[in-house]
Amino acid sequence: MNIKNRNLFRINRIFLLRLPRLFRFFAKFRKTQKRLLIIKTDAIGDYMLFRNFIEIVKRSALYNDYQIDLLGNVLWQDLAVRYDAAFVDEFIFVMANDYYDSPLKTLKLGWRLFKNNYSVVLQSTYSRTLVNDSLAALTGSRQIMGFEGDSISIPARYKIKTDKFYKEQFVLPQHINFEFERSKFFFENVLGESLAINSLFIPVEKNDSNGIVIFPGAGIFKRSWRKEDFLALIKMLKQHSPRQIYLAGGPGDVQIGNYLEENLPLQSVNNLIGKTTLPQLIELIGSAALVIANETSAIHIAVATKTPSVCILGGGHFERFAPYPAYFENRPVCVYQKMECYYCNWNCIFETAETEPYPCIDKVNLANVWQAVLPLL
């Protein structure tokens, strides 16, 4: 949990854990409406692995006459509005971490959700959080469905309490690890039917004239391949391919983008880091011949736009977000050096300097990445 002010959090726990009971009591005296809320406040990559199920719910026999609302992350607001507006009646975008120590914001949003009178609430994230569980309960809905989940993102003492908010909790089979398959399992249980979907999709105009797109950042520095290795890789690409090379990423990746640009001959790369909107990023990846990236949203966008990609992969969430299962069309080529400590949820057992990547990332060498890239040029 991302708590900035402990004192405010202690106050806010009343709203997060006790107020839902009061709201549920008052909800007994109102007539339910055919209105459904889907909660998904995770990052951009999680959204890419989830978003195609919104359309499936909207077109389902069970909920095709319901108003469908989406409580999502403001980070991917532009994408959702651009690509999912046909299936969502009302969007509500938040930064979920802001609600841990802000009682007034929690009360305001909770009251808004309660007034919407949802008959069904779907909280589809496997690694549940205290905020998401509480926002689902503040709707007052009698039909809240979610995963039994784990305690990675919520302390066990709170999870015991928020488990009671749910009418149905789905127990994920042990053999299902990949995030897309977790979502598929969830919505199959919600809808009571098997779903034929076996890939990601987002509509773009395909045009491979835009060259090679490189994402040197990873959101969190220690999950990123060394900038010196990206520099060497770009130099090798320039020797073997005439295609334009684009650098892409968010504002947090500006420093590494500047380093690469400054250490290459003039106009070797087109540095777009921090200069594109998310819809523009979708179009850039969709029209690329190849994407090379750390394990970030860029890889999932590449799969959804059917763009070949190479993923430099660590072990923190191994097999949860990558590698992709073999049946996926255009799955990324993943380069990794497997260690015994994989599946650590990025709770690294090694002590490393702040300026160094995690060992599982650092062990991925340039030669192996080049070996994966070369057949795709």
Protein backbone atom coordinates (compact mmCIF):
# COMPACT_ATOMS: atom_id res chain seq x y z
CA MET A 1 0.00 0.00 0.00
CA ASN A 2 1.29 3.45 -0.91
CA ILE A 3 0.58 5.45 2.26
CA LYS A 4 2.06 8.94 2.51
CA ASN A 5 0.37 10.10 5.73
CA ARG A 6 -0.14 7.45 8.41
CA ASN A 7 -2.37 9.62 10.58
CA LEU A 8 -4.76 10.35 7.72
CA PHE A 9 -4.73 6.67 6.79
CA ARG A 10 -5.83 5.72 10.30
CA ILE A 11 -8.80 8.07 9.92
CA ASN A 12 -9.54 6.86 6.43
CA ARG A 13 -9.68 3.22 7.53
CA ILE A 14 -13.09 4.05 9.01
CA PHE A 15 -14.37 4.95 5.54
CA LEU A 16 -12.57 2.06 3.85
CA LEU A 17 -13.59 -0.70 6.26
CA ARG A 18 -16.69 0.42 8.18
CA LEU A 19 -18.61 2.81 5.95
CA PRO A 20 -19.38 0.05 3.38
CA ARG A 21 -21.51 -1.71 6.01
CA LEU A 22 -23.57 1.43 6.50
CA PHE A 23 -23.97 1.95 2.75
CA ARG A 24 -25.03 -1.64 2.27
CA PHE A 25 -27.68 -1.24 4.96
CA PHE A 26 -29.16 1.85 3.25
CA ALA A 27 -29.03 0.05 -0.11
CA LYS A 28 -31.66 -2.39 1.16
CA PHE A 29 -34.28 0.33 0.85
CA ARG A 30 -33.70 1.20 -2.79
CA LYS A 31 -34.79 -0.48 -5.99
CA THR A 32 -31.86 -1.88 -7.94
CA GLN A 33 -31.18 -0.83 -11.52
CA LYS A 34 -29.68 -2.70 -14.45
CA ARG A 35 -26.34 -1.03 -13.97
CA LEU A 36 -22.96 -2.77 -13.72
CA LEU A 37 -19.60 -1.42 -12.56
CA ILE A 38 -16.25 -2.92 -13.61
CA ILE A 39 -13.31 -1.91 -11.41
CA LYS A 40 -9.81 -2.03 -12.92
CA THR A 41 -7.36 0.53 -11.54
CA ASP A 42 -4.09 -1.23 -12.49
CA ALA A 43 -1.34 0.07 -14.78
CA ILE A 44 -1.37 0.39 -18.57
CA GLY A 45 -0.04 -3.10 -19.25
CA ASP A 46 -2.72 -4.68 -17.06
CA TYR A 47 -5.36 -2.68 -18.92
CA MET A 48 -4.09 -3.97 -22.29
CA LEU A 49 -4.42 -7.56 -21.07
CA PHE A 50 -7.93 -6.87 -19.75
CA ARG A 51 -9.66 -4.42 -22.08
CA ASN A 52 -11.10 -6.85 -24.67
CA PHE A 53 -13.30 -8.38 -21.96
CA ILE A 54 -15.23 -5.12 -21.59
CA GLU A 55 -16.77 -5.64 -25.04
CA ILE A 56 -17.53 -9.26 -24.20
CA VAL A 57 -19.47 -8.23 -21.09
CA LYS A 58 -21.33 -5.53 -23.01
CA ARG A 59 -22.40 -7.99 -25.73
CA SER A 60 -23.18 -10.88 -23.39
CA ALA A 61 -26.68 -12.30 -23.09
CA LEU A 62 -26.51 -11.71 -19.35
CA TYR A 63 -25.66 -8.00 -19.39
CA ASN A 64 -26.40 -6.66 -22.87
CA ASP A 65 -29.27 -4.58 -21.52
CA TYR A 66 -27.27 -3.18 -18.58
CA GLN A 67 -25.57 0.17 -18.33
CA ILE A 68 -21.86 -0.67 -18.12
CA ASP A 69 -19.56 1.72 -16.20
CA LEU A 70 -15.80 1.46 -15.78
CA LEU A 71 -13.79 2.65 -12.79
CA GLY A 72 -10.27 2.85 -14.20
CA ASN A 73 -6.81 4.34 -13.84
CA VAL A 74 -6.32 7.91 -15.02
CA LEU A 75 -3.00 6.78 -16.53
CA TRP A 76 -4.82 5.04 -19.38
CA GLN A 77 -7.79 7.38 -19.60
CA ASP A 78 -6.99 8.51 -23.15
CA LEU A 79 -6.77 4.92 -24.37
CA ALA A 80 -10.03 3.81 -22.78
CA VAL A 81 -11.98 6.79 -24.07
CA ARG A 82 -10.51 6.34 -27.54
CA TYR A 83 -10.95 2.59 -27.90
CA ASP A 84 -13.63 1.48 -25.41
CA ALA A 85 -16.23 4.25 -25.45
CA ALA A 86 -18.55 2.10 -27.59
CA PHE A 87 -18.85 -0.40 -24.74
CA VAL A 88 -18.81 1.86 -21.67
CA ASP A 89 -21.66 4.17 -20.69
CA GLU A 90 -19.74 6.11 -18.02
CA PHE A 91 -16.04 6.32 -17.22
CA ILE A 92 -14.70 7.15 -13.77
CA PHE A 93 -10.92 7.61 -13.63
CA VAL A 94 -8.87 7.73 -10.43
CA MET A 95 -5.37 7.33 -9.04
CA ALA A 96 -6.19 4.59 -6.56
CA ASN A 97 -3.15 5.20 -4.34
CA ASP A 98 -4.46 8.69 -3.58
CA TYR A 99 -7.36 7.16 -1.65
CA TYR A 100 -5.34 5.54 1.13
CA ASP A 101 -4.79 8.74 3.09
CA SER A 102 -7.48 11.07 1.79
CA PRO A 103 -10.71 10.60 3.77
CA LEU A 104 -12.55 13.39 1.98
CA LYS A 105 -11.77 12.02 -1.48
CA THR A 106 -12.77 8.54 -0.38
CA LEU A 107 -16.08 9.75 1.01
CA LYS A 108 -16.80 11.82 -2.10
CA LEU A 109 -16.08 9.00 -4.54
CA GLY A 110 -17.84 6.45 -2.35
CA TRP A 111 -20.99 8.57 -2.27
CA ARG A 112 -20.86 9.00 -6.03
CA LEU A 113 -20.62 5.24 -6.53
CA PHE A 114 -23.40 4.59 -4.03
CA LYS A 115 -25.75 7.02 -5.80
CA ASN A 116 -25.17 5.21 -9.10
CA ASN A 117 -27.13 2.28 -7.65
CA TYR A 118 -25.18 -0.60 -9.18
CA SER A 119 -26.83 -3.99 -9.05
CA VAL A 120 -23.59 -5.77 -10.02
CA VAL A 121 -19.95 -4.89 -9.32
CA LEU A 122 -17.03 -6.78 -10.88
CA GLN A 123 -13.65 -6.33 -9.21
CA SER A 124 -11.54 -8.29 -11.67
CA THR A 125 -8.00 -7.80 -10.34
CA TYR A 126 -6.46 -10.92 -8.84
CA SER A 127 -4.01 -9.13 -6.52
CA ARG A 128 -6.67 -7.13 -4.71
CA THR A 129 -6.03 -3.88 -2.84
CA LEU A 130 -7.72 -2.34 0.18
CA VAL A 131 -8.85 0.65 -1.88
CA ASN A 132 -10.38 -1.41 -4.70
CA ASP A 133 -12.15 -3.74 -2.28
CA SER A 134 -13.56 -0.78 -0.36
CA LEU A 135 -14.67 1.15 -3.44
CA ALA A 136 -16.52 -1.95 -4.62
CA ALA A 137 -18.25 -2.21 -1.23
CA LEU A 138 -19.09 1.49 -1.04
CA THR A 139 -21.41 0.99 -4.01
CA GLY A 140 -23.75 -0.80 -1.64
CA SER A 141 -24.28 -3.50 -4.28
CA ARG A 142 -25.45 -6.89 -3.08
CA GLN A 143 -23.73 -8.63 -6.01
CA ILE A 144 -19.99 -7.94 -5.76
CA MET A 145 -17.80 -10.51 -7.50
CA GLY A 146 -14.04 -10.86 -7.37
CA PHE A 147 -11.13 -13.22 -6.90
CA GLU A 148 -10.23 -14.83 -3.63
CA GLY A 149 -6.84 -13.43 -4.61
CA ASP A 150 -3.56 -13.17 -2.75
CA SER A 151 -2.01 -10.84 -0.19
CA ILE A 152 0.66 -9.29 -2.42
CA SER A 153 -1.03 -5.88 -2.50
CA ILE A 154 -3.16 -6.00 0.64
CA PRO A 155 -2.07 -6.95 4.18
CA ALA A 156 -3.69 -10.19 5.34
CA ARG A 157 -5.33 -8.45 8.34
CA TYR A 158 -7.27 -6.20 5.96
CA LYS A 159 -8.00 -8.90 3.41
CA ILE A 160 -9.77 -10.96 6.06
CA LYS A 161 -12.15 -8.03 6.55
CA THR A 162 -12.64 -7.10 2.89
CA ASP A 163 -13.33 -10.73 1.92
CA LYS A 164 -16.70 -10.16 3.61
CA PHE A 165 -17.54 -7.44 1.08
CA TYR A 166 -17.92 -10.03 -1.69
CA LYS A 167 -20.90 -12.18 -2.48
CA GLU A 168 -18.83 -14.39 -4.77
CA GLN A 169 -15.09 -15.01 -4.74
CA PHE A 170 -13.57 -17.12 -7.49
CA VAL A 171 -10.68 -19.43 -6.61
CA LEU A 172 -8.09 -19.38 -9.36
CA PRO A 173 -6.80 -22.83 -10.39
CA GLN A 174 -3.09 -23.28 -9.71
CA HIS A 175 -2.23 -23.86 -13.37
CA ILE A 176 -3.48 -20.38 -14.43
CA ASN A 177 -0.69 -17.84 -14.02
CA PHE A 178 -0.79 -15.61 -17.09
CA GLU A 179 -2.70 -12.38 -16.43
CA PHE A 180 -4.84 -12.56 -19.57
CA GLU A 181 -5.90 -16.10 -18.67
CA ARG A 182 -6.77 -14.94 -15.16
CA SER A 183 -9.11 -12.34 -16.64
CA LYS A 184 -10.58 -14.91 -18.98
CA PHE A 185 -11.23 -17.28 -16.07
CA PHE A 186 -12.87 -14.46 -14.11
CA PHE A 187 -15.25 -13.37 -16.85
CA GLU A 188 -16.13 -16.95 -17.80
CA ASN A 189 -17.27 -17.45 -14.21
CA VAL A 190 -19.15 -14.15 -14.17
CA LEU A 191 -20.95 -14.87 -17.45
CA GLY A 192 -21.35 -18.62 -16.92
CA GLU A 193 -20.01 -19.53 -20.33
CA SER A 194 -16.78 -20.41 -22.12
CA LEU A 195 -15.16 -17.54 -24.03
CA ALA A 196 -13.52 -18.04 -27.40
CA ILE A 197 -11.09 -15.12 -27.03
CA ASN A 198 -7.43 -16.23 -27.22
CA SER A 199 -5.53 -13.04 -27.99
CA LEU A 200 -5.34 -9.30 -27.46
CA PHE A 201 -6.64 -6.88 -30.06
CA ILE A 202 -6.72 -3.14 -30.51
CA PRO A 203 -7.64 -1.57 -33.87
CA VAL A 204 -4.85 0.25 -35.71
CA GLU A 205 -3.93 0.84 -39.33
CA LYS A 206 -1.00 -1.43 -40.11
CA ASN A 207 1.94 0.23 -41.85
CA ASP A 208 5.45 -1.07 -41.19
CA SER A 209 7.19 1.95 -42.73
CA ASN A 210 7.80 3.58 -39.32
CA GLY A 211 10.84 1.51 -38.44
CA ILE A 212 12.03 0.11 -35.12
CA VAL A 213 10.64 1.35 -31.79
CA ILE A 214 12.76 0.99 -28.65
CA PHE A 215 11.46 1.46 -25.10
CA PRO A 216 14.57 1.76 -22.90
CA GLY A 217 12.66 2.47 -19.67
CA ALA A 218 10.56 0.25 -17.43
CA GLY A 219 8.73 2.60 -15.07
CA ILE A 220 10.97 1.42 -12.25
CA PHE A 221 14.67 1.94 -12.92
CA LYS A 222 15.89 -1.32 -11.41
CA ARG A 223 13.70 -3.35 -13.79
CA SER A 224 15.39 -1.72 -16.81
CA TRP A 225 18.19 -3.12 -18.92
CA ARG A 226 21.36 -1.03 -18.68
CA LYS A 227 21.42 2.09 -20.85
CA GLU A 228 24.90 1.13 -22.07
CA ASP A 229 23.47 -2.12 -23.47
CA PHE A 230 20.66 -0.27 -25.24
CA LEU A 231 23.26 2.07 -26.72
CA ALA A 232 25.32 -0.84 -28.04
CA LEU A 233 22.16 -2.50 -29.40
CA ILE A 234 21.18 0.64 -31.30
CA LYS A 235 24.64 0.85 -32.87
CA MET A 236 24.29 -2.75 -34.06
CA LEU A 237 20.84 -2.01 -35.46
CA LYS A 238 22.19 0.96 -37.41
CA GLN A 239 24.78 -1.32 -38.99
CA HIS A 240 22.29 -3.97 -40.06
CA SER A 241 19.08 -2.12 -40.88
CA PRO A 242 18.22 1.08 -42.79
CA ARG A 243 15.01 1.55 -40.81
CA GLN A 244 14.43 4.65 -38.71
CA ILE A 245 14.84 4.03 -34.98
CA TYR A 246 12.39 5.64 -32.58
CA LEU A 247 12.87 6.00 -28.84
CA ALA A 248 9.59 5.96 -26.92
CA GLY A 249 8.44 6.00 -23.31
CA GLY A 250 7.00 8.15 -20.58
CA PRO A 251 8.27 11.27 -18.81
CA GLY A 252 10.24 9.14 -16.37
CA ASP A 253 12.37 7.80 -19.21
CA VAL A 254 13.57 11.18 -20.49
CA GLN A 255 16.99 10.90 -18.87
CA ILE A 256 17.88 7.58 -20.50
CA GLY A 257 16.55 8.85 -23.84
CA ASN A 258 18.81 11.90 -23.63
CA TYR A 259 21.78 9.67 -22.78
CA LEU A 260 21.20 7.52 -25.86
CA GLU A 261 20.67 10.49 -28.15
CA GLU A 262 23.77 12.29 -26.89
CA ASN A 263 26.01 9.24 -27.35
CA LEU A 264 24.98 8.49 -30.91
CA PRO A 265 25.80 10.28 -34.15
CA LEU A 266 23.45 13.14 -34.98
CA GLN A 267 19.98 12.05 -36.16
CA SER A 268 20.67 8.38 -35.44
CA VAL A 269 17.39 8.13 -33.54
CA ASN A 270 14.12 10.02 -33.35
CA ASN A 271 13.66 10.61 -29.63
CA LEU A 272 9.92 10.68 -28.84
CA ILE A 273 10.22 9.90 -25.14
CA GLY A 274 7.72 11.97 -23.18
CA LYS A 275 6.41 13.56 -26.38
CA THR A 276 3.52 11.28 -27.36
CA THR A 277 0.03 10.71 -26.05
CA LEU A 278 -1.02 7.14 -25.36
CA PRO A 279 -3.18 6.92 -28.50
CA GLN A 280 -0.20 8.21 -30.51
CA LEU A 281 1.95 5.55 -28.86
CA ILE A 282 -0.54 2.88 -29.93
CA GLU A 283 -0.35 4.11 -33.52
CA LEU A 284 3.46 4.28 -33.40
CA ILE A 285 3.76 0.70 -32.19
CA GLY A 286 1.04 -0.49 -34.53
CA SER A 287 2.87 0.85 -37.56
CA ALA A 288 6.33 -0.34 -36.48
CA ALA A 289 8.29 -3.20 -38.02
CA LEU A 290 9.70 -4.19 -34.63
CA VAL A 291 9.46 -3.22 -30.95
CA ILE A 292 12.30 -3.82 -28.47
CA ALA A 293 11.50 -3.14 -24.82
CA ASN A 294 11.80 -4.12 -21.21
CA GLU A 295 8.75 -5.90 -19.79
CA THR A 296 6.42 -2.89 -20.00
CA SER A 297 3.07 -1.94 -21.51
CA ALA A 298 4.85 -1.55 -24.86
CA ILE A 299 5.17 -5.32 -25.17
CA HIS A 300 1.45 -5.87 -24.56
CA ILE A 301 0.56 -3.10 -27.01
CA ALA A 302 2.79 -4.77 -29.59
CA VAL A 303 0.93 -8.06 -29.14
CA ALA A 304 -2.45 -6.30 -29.41
CA THR A 305 -1.39 -4.48 -32.60
CA LYS A 306 0.26 -7.63 -34.05
CA THR A 307 3.70 -6.02 -34.17
CA PRO A 308 6.76 -8.28 -33.74
CA SER A 309 8.55 -7.60 -30.46
CA VAL A 310 11.51 -8.58 -28.31
CA CYS A 311 11.09 -8.40 -24.54
CA ILE A 312 14.04 -8.12 -22.15
CA LEU A 313 12.57 -9.95 -19.18
CA GLY A 314 13.35 -10.27 -15.50
CA GLY A 315 11.99 -12.71 -12.96
CA GLY A 316 9.77 -10.66 -10.66
CA HIS A 317 6.49 -11.47 -12.40
CA PHE A 318 7.77 -14.28 -14.58
CA GLU A 319 4.93 -16.06 -16.44
CA ARG A 320 2.34 -13.66 -15.04
CA PHE A 321 2.86 -11.00 -17.73
CA ALA A 322 5.52 -12.68 -19.89
CA PRO A 323 6.50 -14.94 -21.53
CA TYR A 324 3.19 -15.32 -23.34
CA PRO A 325 1.66 -18.80 -23.73
CA ALA A 326 2.59 -20.60 -26.95
CA TYR A 327 -0.91 -20.35 -28.47
CA PHE A 328 -0.77 -16.54 -28.68
CA GLU A 329 -0.35 -15.15 -32.18
CA ASN A 330 2.56 -12.75 -32.48
CA ARG A 331 3.70 -13.35 -28.93
CA PRO A 332 6.88 -11.50 -27.99
CA VAL A 333 10.27 -13.15 -28.16
CA CYS A 334 11.44 -13.03 -24.54
CA VAL A 335 15.10 -12.91 -23.60
CA TYR A 336 15.93 -13.83 -20.00
CA GLN A 337 18.46 -15.62 -17.85
CA LYS A 338 16.45 -17.71 -15.44
CA MET A 339 17.55 -17.78 -11.80
CA GLU A 340 16.37 -19.84 -8.82
CA CYS A 341 14.83 -16.72 -7.25
CA TYR A 342 12.39 -16.07 -10.11
CA TYR A 343 8.70 -15.41 -9.21
CA CYS A 344 9.76 -13.05 -6.39
CA ASN A 345 7.15 -10.33 -7.13
CA TRP A 346 10.14 -7.97 -7.37
CA ASN A 347 11.01 -8.51 -3.71
CA CYS A 348 14.66 -9.02 -4.63
CA ILE A 349 16.76 -11.09 -2.23
CA PHE A 350 20.00 -9.48 -3.45
CA GLU A 351 21.44 -6.23 -2.20
CA THR A 352 22.19 -3.93 -5.12
CA ALA A 353 23.06 -0.28 -5.49
CA GLU A 354 20.26 2.10 -6.45
CA THR A 355 22.09 2.76 -9.72
CA GLU A 356 22.14 -0.94 -10.68
CA PRO A 357 19.35 -3.06 -12.17
CA TYR A 358 18.13 -6.19 -10.46
CA PRO A 359 20.47 -9.17 -11.09
CA CYS A 360 17.87 -11.01 -13.18
CA ILE A 361 17.84 -8.05 -15.58
CA ASP A 362 21.57 -7.47 -15.43
CA LYS A 363 22.29 -11.08 -16.42
CA VAL A 364 20.56 -10.63 -19.80
CA ASN A 365 23.49 -10.06 -22.14
CA LEU A 366 23.68 -8.13 -25.37
CA ALA A 367 24.59 -11.16 -27.48
CA ASN A 368 21.40 -13.00 -26.52
CA VAL A 369 19.23 -9.97 -27.20
CA TRP A 370 20.87 -9.49 -30.59
CA GLN A 371 20.32 -13.15 -31.38
CA ALA A 372 16.59 -12.63 -30.79
CA VAL A 373 16.43 -9.34 -32.73
CA LEU A 374 18.36 -10.34 -35.84
CA PRO A 375 15.79 -12.77 -37.37
CA LEU A 376 13.09 -10.11 -37.00
CA LEU A 377 14.88 -7.33 -38.89
